[in-house]
Structure formats: C-alpha cells, structure tokens
C-alpha cells in the first residue's frame, strides 16, 4: 500500500502532465469531452472529472492550442469536438522534448 506522500505526489504529477495528456490524446483524432475523459482513463491511467476537464479545455482553447466545433448527432443533441491546432502540435512537440530531456538527466 502506498503511503500518503506517494499518493499526493502521483496526483500532483498527473495534474501537471494533464495538458500534455490532452494534447497527446487529440493529436491523432478529435474527441468530445466525455470521450476524452474515457480515453485518458484507458490510455494514460488518469482519472479526470468533468469539473477538471472542461476548464482545462477552455484554457487550452484560449491559449490557441485547441480548436472546437459543434457536430450534430443522430440523437439530435450536438457534441462539442476538440482537436489540436498547429500551435498545439508545436507546443506538444516542445513538451515532449522537455519531458524526454528532464527524464534523462
């Protein structure tokens, strides 16, 4: 069983990497919010709540790293899909380089 320090450290680590995980998840394909939450859980083993995800998506859009569009669904309820911008791709590459450099020191 992990001690409290390690649990807190892992939480902070994941929180710090969350923008990277989101950009990485949107690199290959656009996704809507809930789908993105599920993808992060499945592929990055990172549990994210809606109250964390949607403000982050808004911030990443304001920073011009993401773009969104509404798409009508057969059920009649439109979904907001997010995808990475060119600026987002550039920043994602820089983030990956920084992670790689800092892990090899």
Protein backbone atom coordinates (compact mmCIF):
# COMPACT_ATOMS: atom_id res chain seq x y z
CA UNK A 1 0.00 0.00 0.00
CA UNK A 2 1.31 3.45 -0.96
CA UNK A 3 1.96 5.98 1.73
CA UNK A 4 0.20 9.34 1.75
CA UNK A 5 3.23 11.21 0.40
CA UNK A 6 3.45 8.99 -2.70
CA UNK A 7 -0.28 9.21 -3.38
CA UNK A 8 -0.14 13.02 -3.20
CA UNK A 9 2.98 13.14 -5.35
CA UNK A 10 1.38 10.95 -8.04
CA UNK A 11 -1.73 13.14 -8.01
CA UNK A 12 0.35 16.30 -8.50
CA UNK A 13 2.42 14.63 -11.22
CA UNK A 14 -0.68 13.63 -13.18
CA UNK A 15 -2.20 17.07 -12.68
CA UNK A 16 0.95 18.68 -14.05
CA UNK A 17 1.00 16.36 -17.06
CA UNK A 18 -2.71 16.68 -17.82
CA UNK A 19 -2.34 19.35 -20.55
CA UNK A 20 0.26 17.12 -22.22
CA UNK A 21 -2.04 14.09 -22.00
CA UNK A 22 -4.93 16.06 -23.52
CA UNK A 23 -2.85 17.36 -26.42
CA UNK A 24 -1.36 13.90 -26.97
CA UNK A 25 -4.83 12.31 -26.98
CA UNK A 26 -6.09 14.86 -29.52
CA UNK A 27 -3.03 14.55 -31.73
CA UNK A 28 -4.38 11.52 -33.57
CA UNK A 29 -8.10 12.33 -33.63
CA UNK A 30 -10.68 14.82 -32.49
CA UNK A 31 -12.81 13.87 -29.49
CA UNK A 32 -15.68 15.27 -27.48
CA UNK A 33 -15.25 15.94 -23.75
CA UNK A 34 -16.61 12.74 -22.24
CA UNK A 35 -14.83 10.63 -24.87
CA UNK A 36 -11.59 12.41 -23.99
CA UNK A 37 -12.11 11.70 -20.27
CA UNK A 38 -12.58 7.99 -21.07
CA UNK A 39 -9.53 7.96 -23.36
CA UNK A 40 -7.32 9.46 -20.65
CA UNK A 41 -8.57 6.86 -18.21
CA UNK A 42 -7.98 3.96 -20.60
CA UNK A 43 -4.73 5.02 -22.28
CA UNK A 44 -3.00 7.15 -19.63
CA UNK A 45 -4.45 5.55 -16.49
CA UNK A 46 -5.54 9.03 -15.44
CA UNK A 47 -8.91 9.67 -13.82
CA UNK A 48 -10.21 13.13 -14.67
CA UNK A 49 -13.54 14.60 -13.63
CA UNK A 50 -15.68 16.83 -15.83
CA UNK A 51 -15.07 19.70 -13.40
CA UNK A 52 -11.34 19.39 -14.15
CA UNK A 53 -11.54 18.59 -17.86
CA UNK A 54 -13.82 21.31 -19.18
CA UNK A 55 -11.99 24.28 -17.59
CA UNK A 56 -8.73 22.81 -18.93
CA UNK A 57 -10.20 22.51 -22.44
CA UNK A 58 -11.38 26.12 -22.22
CA UNK A 59 -7.92 27.27 -21.12
CA UNK A 60 -6.20 25.32 -23.90
CA UNK A 61 -8.56 26.92 -26.41
CA UNK A 62 -7.83 30.41 -25.08
CA UNK A 63 -4.12 29.64 -25.44
CA UNK A 64 -4.89 28.59 -29.04
CA UNK A 65 -3.63 25.05 -28.53
CA UNK A 66 -7.05 23.54 -29.26
CA UNK A 67 -9.95 24.33 -31.55
CA UNK A 68 -13.51 23.11 -31.16
CA UNK A 69 -16.57 22.65 -33.31
CA UNK A 70 -20.13 21.57 -32.68
CA UNK A 71 -21.30 18.47 -34.54
CA UNK A 72 -24.93 17.42 -34.75
CA UNK A 73 -25.63 13.86 -33.63
CA UNK A 74 -28.30 11.45 -34.86
CA UNK A 75 -29.89 11.75 -31.40
CA UNK A 76 -30.33 15.47 -32.05
CA UNK A 77 -28.04 16.62 -29.25
CA UNK A 78 -24.91 18.27 -30.69
CA UNK A 79 -21.49 17.49 -29.23
CA UNK A 80 -18.54 19.82 -28.98
CA UNK A 81 -15.49 18.15 -30.53
CA UNK A 82 -11.98 19.32 -29.74
CA UNK A 83 -8.93 18.98 -31.93
CA UNK A 84 -5.35 20.11 -31.72
CA UNK A 85 -4.29 23.27 -33.57
CA UNK A 86 -0.99 23.78 -35.38
CA UNK A 87 0.16 25.84 -32.39
CA UNK A 88 -0.90 22.92 -30.18
CA UNK A 89 1.19 20.49 -32.24
CA UNK A 90 4.22 22.77 -31.94
CA UNK A 91 3.77 23.05 -28.17
CA UNK A 92 3.16 19.31 -27.82
CA UNK A 93 6.48 18.60 -29.56
CA UNK A 94 8.25 21.06 -27.23
CA UNK A 95 6.57 19.49 -24.18
CA UNK A 96 7.64 16.01 -25.29
CA UNK A 97 11.21 17.21 -25.82
CA UNK A 98 11.24 18.81 -22.37
CA UNK A 99 9.90 15.63 -20.73
CA UNK A 100 12.49 13.49 -22.56
CA UNK A 101 15.35 15.83 -21.63
CA UNK A 102 14.35 16.05 -17.97
CA UNK A 103 13.92 12.30 -17.58
CA UNK A 104 17.37 11.55 -18.96
CA UNK A 105 19.26 13.90 -16.65
